[in-house]
Amino acid sequence: MNNMKKFIAVILLFVCSAAAFAQSAATPIMDDEMRSSGKIYVVIGTIAIVFIGITIYLFAIDRRLKKIEKENKD
C-alpha cells in the first residue's frame, strides 16, 4: 500500500508541475485553428480515453497482484 501512496504522490506532483509550466502569455496559432474546426475536442477525447484505459489497467493489475499475494500468504 505504501507504493501506491508514493505513486499517487508522484502523479499529483507531475500534474501540478505540468499545470504550472503549461501557462504561457502567447496563445499558439494551432490552438485557434483546432478550436475553430472542432478538432481540439477529438484530441481531448482521445487523451481522456487513453488515460482512463491506463487507469483501469493499473487498478486491474493491482487487484490481481493483491489476490496473488493473499494466496501466497495462506
Protein backbone atom coordinates (compact mmCIF):
# COMPACT_ATOMS: atom_id res chain seq x y z
CA MET A 1 0.00 0.00 0.00
CA ASN A 2 2.95 2.27 0.64
CA ASN A 3 3.99 2.03 -3.01
CA MET A 4 0.51 3.09 -4.11
CA LYS A 5 0.72 6.20 -1.92
CA LYS A 6 4.10 7.06 -3.45
CA PHE A 7 2.71 6.53 -6.94
CA ILE A 8 -0.27 8.81 -6.28
CA ALA A 9 2.03 11.46 -4.79
CA VAL A 10 4.31 11.36 -7.84
CA ILE A 11 1.35 11.64 -10.22
CA LEU A 12 -0.06 14.55 -8.23
CA LEU A 13 3.27 16.37 -8.28
CA PHE A 14 3.62 15.75 -12.01
CA VAL A 15 0.15 17.13 -12.74
CA CYS A 16 0.75 20.20 -10.60
CA SER A 17 4.13 20.93 -12.17
CA ALA A 18 2.76 20.36 -15.68
CA ALA A 19 -0.04 22.84 -14.99
CA ALA A 20 2.46 25.42 -13.73
CA PHE A 21 4.69 25.12 -16.80
CA ALA A 22 1.79 24.99 -19.25
CA GLN A 23 0.77 28.59 -18.66
CA SER A 24 2.17 30.96 -21.25
CA ALA A 25 1.37 34.52 -22.25
CA ALA A 26 1.04 33.94 -26.01
CA THR A 27 -1.51 31.54 -27.46
CA PRO A 28 -0.26 29.37 -30.32
CA ILE A 29 -1.81 29.70 -33.76
CA MET A 30 -2.56 25.98 -33.84
CA ASP A 31 -4.75 26.42 -30.76
CA ASP A 32 -7.12 28.80 -32.57
CA GLU A 33 -7.25 26.64 -35.69
CA MET A 34 -8.01 23.44 -33.80
CA ARG A 35 -10.62 25.14 -31.64
CA SER A 36 -12.39 26.72 -34.61
CA SER A 37 -12.51 23.46 -36.57
CA GLY A 38 -13.59 21.41 -33.54
CA LYS A 39 -10.56 19.10 -33.69
CA ILE A 40 -9.48 20.08 -30.19
CA TYR A 41 -12.38 18.04 -28.79
CA VAL A 42 -11.12 14.96 -30.64
CA VAL A 43 -7.66 15.44 -29.14
CA ILE A 44 -9.04 15.94 -25.63
CA GLY A 45 -11.35 12.94 -26.02
CA THR A 46 -8.51 10.73 -27.21
CA ILE A 47 -6.27 11.76 -24.32
CA ALA A 48 -9.12 11.14 -21.85
CA ILE A 49 -9.83 7.67 -23.28
CA VAL A 50 -6.15 6.69 -23.12
CA PHE A 51 -5.84 7.98 -19.55
CA ILE A 52 -8.98 6.14 -18.43
CA GLY A 53 -7.77 2.95 -20.11
CA ILE A 54 -4.38 3.10 -18.41
CA THR A 55 -6.02 3.81 -15.05
CA ILE A 56 -8.39 0.84 -15.38
CA TYR A 57 -5.49 -1.38 -16.45
CA LEU A 58 -3.38 -0.35 -13.45
CA PHE A 59 -6.21 -0.98 -11.00
CA ALA A 60 -6.86 -4.39 -12.57
CA ILE A 61 -3.19 -5.31 -12.20
CA ASP A 62 -3.22 -4.11 -8.58
CA ARG A 63 -6.27 -6.23 -7.82
CA ARG A 64 -4.68 -9.34 -9.38
CA LEU A 65 -1.44 -8.73 -7.51
CA LYS A 66 -3.28 -8.43 -4.19
CA LYS A 67 -5.06 -11.71 -4.93
CA ILE A 68 -1.76 -13.47 -5.70
CA GLU A 69 -0.13 -12.04 -2.56
CA LYS A 70 -3.08 -13.19 -0.46
CA GLU A 71 -2.86 -16.72 -1.92
CA ASN A 72 0.88 -16.89 -1.19
CA LYS A 73 0.40 -15.81 2.43
CA ASP A 74 -2.10 -18.62 3.10
